[in-house]
Amino acid sequence: MNDDTGKKMSREERMAAKLRENLRRRKAQSREMKAESGENGVSKDAPEG
């Protein structure tokens, strides 16, 4: 994003963009965690022993 774009966006638009970015990042992390737990058959939260 360049300076002109940042100045034209309202606070609400910036917040909405950050929220969407955060949601995409969290979904990607969730998919990664599920993939990792699926590879070895054990959940990362499962206690060992």
PDB file of N, CA and C in Angstrom:
ATOM      1  N   MET A   1       0.842  -1.177   0.000  1.00  0.00           N
ATOM      2  CA  MET A   1       0.000   0.000   0.000  1.00  0.00           C
ATOM      3  C   MET A   1       0.881   1.233   0.000  1.00  0.00           C
ATOM      4  N   ASN A   2       0.598   2.168  -0.888  1.00  0.00           N
ATOM      5  CA  ASN A   2       1.395   3.393  -0.929  1.00  0.00           C
ATOM      6  C   ASN A   2       0.739   4.476  -0.081  1.00  0.00           C
ATOM      7  N   ASP A   3       1.382   5.609   0.058  1.00  0.00           N
ATOM      8  CA  ASP A   3       0.890   6.676   0.933  1.00  0.00           C
ATOM      9  C   ASP A   3      -0.466   7.213   0.491  1.00  0.00           C
ATOM     10  N   ASP A   4      -0.681   7.348  -0.813  1.00  0.00           N
ATOM     11  CA  ASP A   4      -1.953   7.876  -1.302  1.00  0.00           C
ATOM     12  C   ASP A   4      -3.108   6.977  -0.901  1.00  0.00           C
ATOM     13  N   THR A   5      -2.928   5.687  -1.019  1.00  0.00           N
ATOM     14  CA  THR A   5      -3.989   4.739  -0.677  1.00  0.00           C
ATOM     15  C   THR A   5      -4.295   4.811   0.808  1.00  0.00           C
ATOM     16  N   GLY A   6      -3.283   4.886   1.635  1.00  0.00           N
ATOM     17  CA  GLY A   6      -3.470   4.949   3.080  1.00  0.00           C
ATOM     18  C   GLY A   6      -4.235   6.184   3.512  1.00  0.00           C
ATOM     19  N   LYS A   7      -4.011   7.283   2.865  1.00  0.00           N
ATOM     20  CA  LYS A   7      -4.686   8.530   3.236  1.00  0.00           C
ATOM     21  C   LYS A   7      -6.146   8.524   2.809  1.00  0.00           C
ATOM     22  N   LYS A   8      -6.466   7.835   1.727  1.00  0.00           N
ATOM     23  CA  LYS A   8      -7.829   7.841   1.205  1.00  0.00           C
ATOM     24  C   LYS A   8      -8.732   6.867   1.944  1.00  0.00           C
ATOM     25  N   MET A   9      -8.160   5.840   2.559  1.00  0.00           N
ATOM     26  CA  MET A   9      -8.968   4.848   3.264  1.00  0.00           C
ATOM     27  C   MET A   9      -9.430   5.400   4.610  1.00  0.00           C
ATOM     28  N   SER A  10     -10.680   5.160   4.927  1.00  0.00           N
ATOM     29  CA  SER A  10     -11.185   5.578   6.230  1.00  0.00           C
ATOM     30  C   SER A  10     -10.692   4.607   7.294  1.00  0.00           C
ATOM     31  N   ARG A  11     -10.869   4.984   8.521  1.00  0.00           N
ATOM     32  CA  ARG A  11     -10.451   4.126   9.640  1.00  0.00           C
ATOM     33  C   ARG A  11     -11.176   2.784   9.563  1.00  0.00           C
ATOM     34  N   GLU A  12     -12.475   2.828   9.267  1.00  0.00           N
ATOM     35  CA  GLU A  12     -13.263   1.605   9.188  1.00  0.00           C
ATOM     36  C   GLU A  12     -12.751   0.683   8.083  1.00  0.00           C
ATOM     37  N   GLU A  13     -12.380   1.272   6.949  1.00  0.00           N
ATOM     38  CA  GLU A  13     -11.861   0.470   5.839  1.00  0.00           C
ATOM     39  C   GLU A  13     -10.535  -0.174   6.204  1.00  0.00           C
ATOM     40  N   ARG A  14      -9.673   0.600   6.888  1.00  0.00           N
ATOM     41  CA  ARG A  14      -8.391   0.038   7.315  1.00  0.00           C
ATOM     42  C   ARG A  14      -8.598  -1.094   8.310  1.00  0.00           C
ATOM     43  N   MET A  15      -9.506  -0.888   9.258  1.00  0.00           N
ATOM     44  CA  MET A  15      -9.789  -1.918  10.257  1.00  0.00           C
ATOM     45  C   MET A  15     -10.351  -3.173   9.586  1.00  0.00           C
ATOM     46  N   ALA A  16     -11.246  -2.997   8.626  1.00  0.00           N
ATOM     47  CA  ALA A  16     -11.832  -4.137   7.922  1.00  0.00           C
ATOM     48  C   ALA A  16     -10.762  -4.892   7.144  1.00  0.00           C
ATOM     49  N   ALA A  17      -9.849  -4.176   6.522  1.00  0.00           N
ATOM     50  CA  ALA A  17      -8.772  -4.815   5.764  1.00  0.00           C
ATOM     51  C   ALA A  17      -7.864  -5.601   6.703  1.00  0.00           C
ATOM     52  N   LYS A  18      -7.530  -5.027   7.848  1.00  0.00           N
ATOM     53  CA  LYS A  18      -6.684  -5.722   8.827  1.00  0.00           C
ATOM     54  C   LYS A  18      -7.397  -6.954   9.363  1.00  0.00           C
ATOM     55  N   LEU A  19      -8.703  -6.851   9.598  1.00  0.00           N
ATOM     56  CA  LEU A  19      -9.475  -7.973  10.099  1.00  0.00           C
ATOM     57  C   LEU A  19      -9.478  -9.120   9.089  1.00  0.00           C
ATOM     58  N   ARG A  20      -9.674  -8.803   7.812  1.00  0.00           N
ATOM     59  CA  ARG A  20      -9.652  -9.840   6.771  1.00  0.00           C
ATOM     60  C   ARG A  20      -8.275 -10.490   6.680  1.00  0.00           C
ATOM     61  N   GLU A  21      -7.224  -9.671   6.761  1.00  0.00           N
ATOM     62  CA  GLU A  21      -5.857 -10.190   6.706  1.00  0.00           C
ATOM     63  C   GLU A  21      -5.598 -11.131   7.888  1.00  0.00           C
ATOM     64  N   ASN A  22      -6.032 -10.734   9.070  1.00  0.00           N
ATOM     65  CA  ASN A  22      -5.852 -11.543  10.267  1.00  0.00           C
ATOM     66  C   ASN A  22      -6.626 -12.853  10.154  1.00  0.00           C
ATOM     67  N   LEU A  23      -7.850 -12.779   9.641  1.00  0.00           N
ATOM     68  CA  LEU A  23      -8.661 -13.981   9.483  1.00  0.00           C
ATOM     69  C   LEU A  23      -8.002 -14.957   8.518  1.00  0.00           C
ATOM     70  N   ARG A  24      -7.491 -14.454   7.405  1.00  0.00           N
ATOM     71  CA  ARG A  24      -6.798 -15.329   6.442  1.00  0.00           C
ATOM     72  C   ARG A  24      -5.584 -15.989   7.083  1.00  0.00           C
ATOM     73  N   ARG A  25      -4.821 -15.213   7.862  1.00  0.00           N
ATOM     74  CA  ARG A  25      -3.638 -15.753   8.519  1.00  0.00           C
ATOM     75  C   ARG A  25      -4.019 -16.840   9.529  1.00  0.00           C
ATOM     76  N   ARG A  26      -5.066 -16.599  10.309  1.00  0.00           N
ATOM     77  CA  ARG A  26      -5.499 -17.574  11.302  1.00  0.00           C
ATOM     78  C   ARG A  26      -6.035 -18.846  10.649  1.00  0.00           C
ATOM     79  N   LYS A  27      -6.747 -18.698   9.539  1.00  0.00           N
ATOM     80  CA  LYS A  27      -7.242 -19.877   8.822  1.00  0.00           C
ATOM     81  C   LYS A  27      -6.082 -20.697   8.284  1.00  0.00           C
ATOM     82  N   ALA A  28      -5.075 -20.029   7.754  1.00  0.00           N
ATOM     83  CA  ALA A  28      -3.897 -20.727   7.235  1.00  0.00           C
ATOM     84  C   ALA A  28      -3.180 -21.461   8.358  1.00  0.00           C
ATOM     85  N   GLN A  29      -3.049 -20.831   9.512  1.00  0.00           N
ATOM     86  CA  GLN A  29      -2.405 -21.480  10.652  1.00  0.00           C
ATOM     87  C   GLN A  29      -3.210 -22.693  11.102  1.00  0.00           C
ATOM     88  N   SER A  30      -4.525 -22.562  11.110  1.00  0.00           N
ATOM     89  CA  SER A  30      -5.392 -23.667  11.521  1.00  0.00           C
ATOM     90  C   SER A  30      -5.247 -24.845  10.562  1.00  0.00           C
ATOM     91  N   ARG A  31      -5.235 -24.551   9.256  1.00  0.00           N
ATOM     92  CA  ARG A  31      -5.066 -25.625   8.263  1.00  0.00           C
ATOM     93  C   ARG A  31      -3.713 -26.309   8.439  1.00  0.00           C
ATOM     94  N   GLU A  32      -2.683 -25.520   8.714  1.00  0.00           N
ATOM     95  CA  GLU A  32      -1.343 -26.075   8.918  1.00  0.00           C
ATOM     96  C   GLU A  32      -1.315 -26.978  10.145  1.00  0.00           C
ATOM     97  N   MET A  33      -1.935 -26.540  11.223  1.00  0.00           N
ATOM     98  CA  MET A  33      -1.969 -27.341  12.446  1.00  0.00           C
ATOM     99  C   MET A  33      -2.710 -28.659  12.207  1.00  0.00           C
ATOM    100  N   LYS A  34      -3.830 -28.598  11.491  1.00  0.00           N
ATOM    101  CA  LYS A  34      -4.596 -29.813  11.199  1.00  0.00           C
ATOM    102  C   LYS A  34      -3.791 -30.757  10.322  1.00  0.00           C
ATOM    103  N   ALA A  35      -3.066 -30.209   9.353  1.00  0.00           N
ATOM    104  CA  ALA A  35      -2.250 -31.033   8.461  1.00  0.00           C
ATOM    105  C   ALA A  35      -1.130 -31.709   9.236  1.00  0.00           C
ATOM    106  N   GLU A  36      -0.498 -30.974  10.137  1.00  0.00           N
ATOM    107  CA  GLU A  36       0.591 -31.549  10.929  1.00  0.00           C
ATOM    108  C   GLU A  36       0.075 -32.650  11.842  1.00  0.00           C
ATOM    109  N   SER A  37      -1.064 -32.441  12.477  1.00  0.00           N
ATOM    110  CA  SER A  37      -1.592 -33.452  13.390  1.00  0.00           C
ATOM    111  C   SER A  37      -2.084 -34.658  12.594  1.00  0.00           C
ATOM    112  N   GLY A  38      -2.493 -34.460  11.358  1.00  0.00           N
ATOM    113  CA  GLY A  38      -2.957 -35.563  10.526  1.00  0.00           C
ATOM    114  C   GLY A  38      -1.811 -36.413  10.010  1.00  0.00           C
ATOM    115  N   GLU A  39      -0.638 -35.844   9.846  1.00  0.00           N
ATOM    116  CA  GLU A  39       0.501 -36.586   9.306  1.00  0.00           C
ATOM    117  C   GLU A  39       0.988 -37.662  10.267  1.00  0.00           C
ATOM    118  N   ASN A  40       1.084 -37.328  11.547  1.00  0.00           N
ATOM    119  CA  ASN A  40       1.608 -38.308  12.490  1.00  0.00           C
ATOM    120  C   ASN A  40       0.504 -38.997  13.289  1.00  0.00           C
ATOM    121  N   GLY A  41      -0.757 -38.608  13.049  1.00  0.00           N
ATOM    122  CA  GLY A  41      -1.879 -39.273  13.691  1.00  0.00           C
ATOM    123  C   GLY A  41      -2.115 -38.885  15.127  1.00  0.00           C
ATOM    124  N   VAL A  42      -1.361 -37.910  15.634  1.00  0.00           N
ATOM    125  CA  VAL A  42      -1.510 -37.492  17.020  1.00  0.00           C
ATOM    126  C   VAL A  42      -1.745 -35.982  17.049  1.00  0.00           C
ATOM    127  N   SER A  43      -2.731 -35.594  17.812  1.00  0.00           N
ATOM    128  CA  SER A  43      -3.003 -34.181  17.968  1.00  0.00           C
ATOM    129  C   SER A  43      -1.880 -33.521  18.755  1.00  0.00           C
ATOM    130  N   LYS A  44      -1.562 -32.270  18.432  1.00  0.00           N
ATOM    131  CA  LYS A  44      -0.515 -31.561  19.172  1.00  0.00           C
ATOM    132  C   LYS A  44      -0.944 -31.312  20.613  1.00  0.00           C
ATOM    133  N   ASP A  45      -2.244 -31.247  20.874  1.00  0.00           N
ATOM    134  CA  ASP A  45      -2.739 -30.993  22.217  1.00  0.00           C
ATOM    135  C   ASP A  45      -2.844 -32.269  23.049  1.00  0.00           C
ATOM    136  N   ALA A  46      -2.701 -33.435  22.424  1.00  0.00           N
ATOM    137  CA  ALA A  46      -2.847 -34.688  23.157  1.00  0.00           C
ATOM    138  C   ALA A  46      -1.652 -34.885  24.092  1.00  0.00           C
ATOM    139  N   PRO A  47      -1.913 -35.287  25.322  1.00  0.00           N
ATOM    140  CA  PRO A  47      -0.797 -35.535  26.248  1.00  0.00           C
ATOM    141  C   PRO A  47      -0.036 -36.794  25.856  1.00  0.00           C
ATOM    142  N   GLU A  48       1.269 -36.735  26.046  1.00  0.00           N
ATOM    143  CA  GLU A  48       2.101 -37.906  25.736  1.00  0.00           C
ATOM    144  C   GLU A  48       2.216 -38.787  26.972  1.00  0.00           C
ATOM    145  N   GLY A  49       2.397 -40.104  26.756  1.00  0.00           N
ATOM    146  CA  GLY A  49       2.667 -40.955  27.880  1.00  0.00           C
ATOM    147  C   GLY A  49       1.683 -42.008  27.985  1.00  0.00           C
TER     148      GLY A  49
END
